[in-house]
């Protein structure tokens, strides 16, 4: 089942930051779409829940030196 989750990303301050996050997340198996909103420091990730979970997304962003937390609705 596909799920789209919004994350707040701390430390993302330029286009290069956002492109790096987007590129790495898109390479993650099970992730089908990534939309980065640099001006809002947000990332929307659509993924297959059978192969990706919240921890994997957070850990993937952390590999680049940023902190991602699921946005509160």
Protein backbone atom coordinates (compact mmCIF):
# COMPACT_ATOMS: atom_id res chain seq x y z
CA UNK A 1 0.00 0.00 0.00
CA UNK A 2 1.35 3.43 -0.93
CA UNK A 3 1.68 6.12 1.71
CA UNK A 4 2.66 9.79 1.47
CA UNK A 5 4.27 11.38 4.52
CA UNK A 6 5.42 14.96 5.13
CA UNK A 7 8.66 15.55 7.02
CA UNK A 8 10.13 18.71 8.51
CA UNK A 9 13.85 18.85 7.71
CA UNK A 10 16.27 20.79 9.88
CA UNK A 11 19.45 22.15 8.31
CA UNK A 12 18.26 22.24 4.70
CA UNK A 13 19.10 25.77 3.59
CA UNK A 14 20.02 25.75 -0.12
CA UNK A 15 19.14 24.18 -3.45
CA UNK A 16 22.13 21.85 -3.21
CA UNK A 17 20.84 20.55 0.15
CA UNK A 18 17.38 19.88 -1.22
CA UNK A 19 18.67 18.22 -4.38
CA UNK A 20 20.92 15.90 -2.37
CA UNK A 21 18.03 14.83 -0.15
CA UNK A 22 15.73 14.31 -3.12
CA UNK A 23 18.33 12.31 -5.06
CA UNK A 24 19.18 9.99 -2.16
CA UNK A 25 15.54 9.36 -1.22
CA UNK A 26 14.59 8.62 -4.84
CA UNK A 27 17.33 5.95 -4.92
CA UNK A 28 15.73 4.21 -1.93
CA UNK A 29 13.99 1.00 -2.98
CA UNK A 30 10.22 1.38 -2.46
CA UNK A 31 10.19 5.18 -2.67
CA UNK A 32 8.12 6.26 -5.67
CA UNK A 33 8.05 10.05 -5.34
CA UNK A 34 9.89 12.79 -3.46
CA UNK A 35 8.84 16.45 -3.40
CA UNK A 36 11.12 18.90 -1.60
CA UNK A 37 9.84 22.33 -0.53
CA UNK A 38 13.05 24.19 0.28
CA UNK A 39 11.36 27.43 1.38
CA UNK A 40 9.25 25.52 3.95
CA UNK A 41 12.00 23.01 4.92
CA UNK A 42 9.62 20.16 4.09
CA UNK A 43 9.87 16.91 2.17
CA UNK A 44 6.91 14.84 0.98
CA UNK A 45 7.78 11.20 0.38
CA UNK A 46 5.52 8.62 -1.26
CA UNK A 47 6.55 5.05 -0.60
CA UNK A 48 5.42 1.45 -0.49
CA UNK A 49 4.74 0.57 3.15
CA UNK A 50 5.74 -3.05 2.56
CA UNK A 51 9.37 -2.10 1.91
CA UNK A 52 9.90 1.36 3.47
CA UNK A 53 9.07 2.77 6.89
CA UNK A 54 9.40 6.07 8.72
CA UNK A 55 12.70 5.09 10.36
CA UNK A 56 14.29 4.32 6.98
CA UNK A 57 13.33 7.75 5.62
CA UNK A 58 14.62 9.54 8.75
CA UNK A 59 17.86 7.52 8.71
CA UNK A 60 18.40 8.17 4.99
CA UNK A 61 18.08 11.94 5.47
CA UNK A 62 20.38 11.73 8.51
CA UNK A 63 23.11 10.17 6.32
CA UNK A 64 23.39 13.58 4.65
CA UNK A 65 23.63 15.41 7.97
CA UNK A 66 20.04 16.65 8.26
CA UNK A 67 17.36 15.85 10.80
CA UNK A 68 13.95 14.81 9.49
CA UNK A 69 10.90 14.43 11.69
CA UNK A 70 7.41 13.53 10.61
CA UNK A 71 5.39 16.75 10.39
CA UNK A 72 2.55 17.16 12.82
CA UNK A 73 -0.84 17.57 11.19
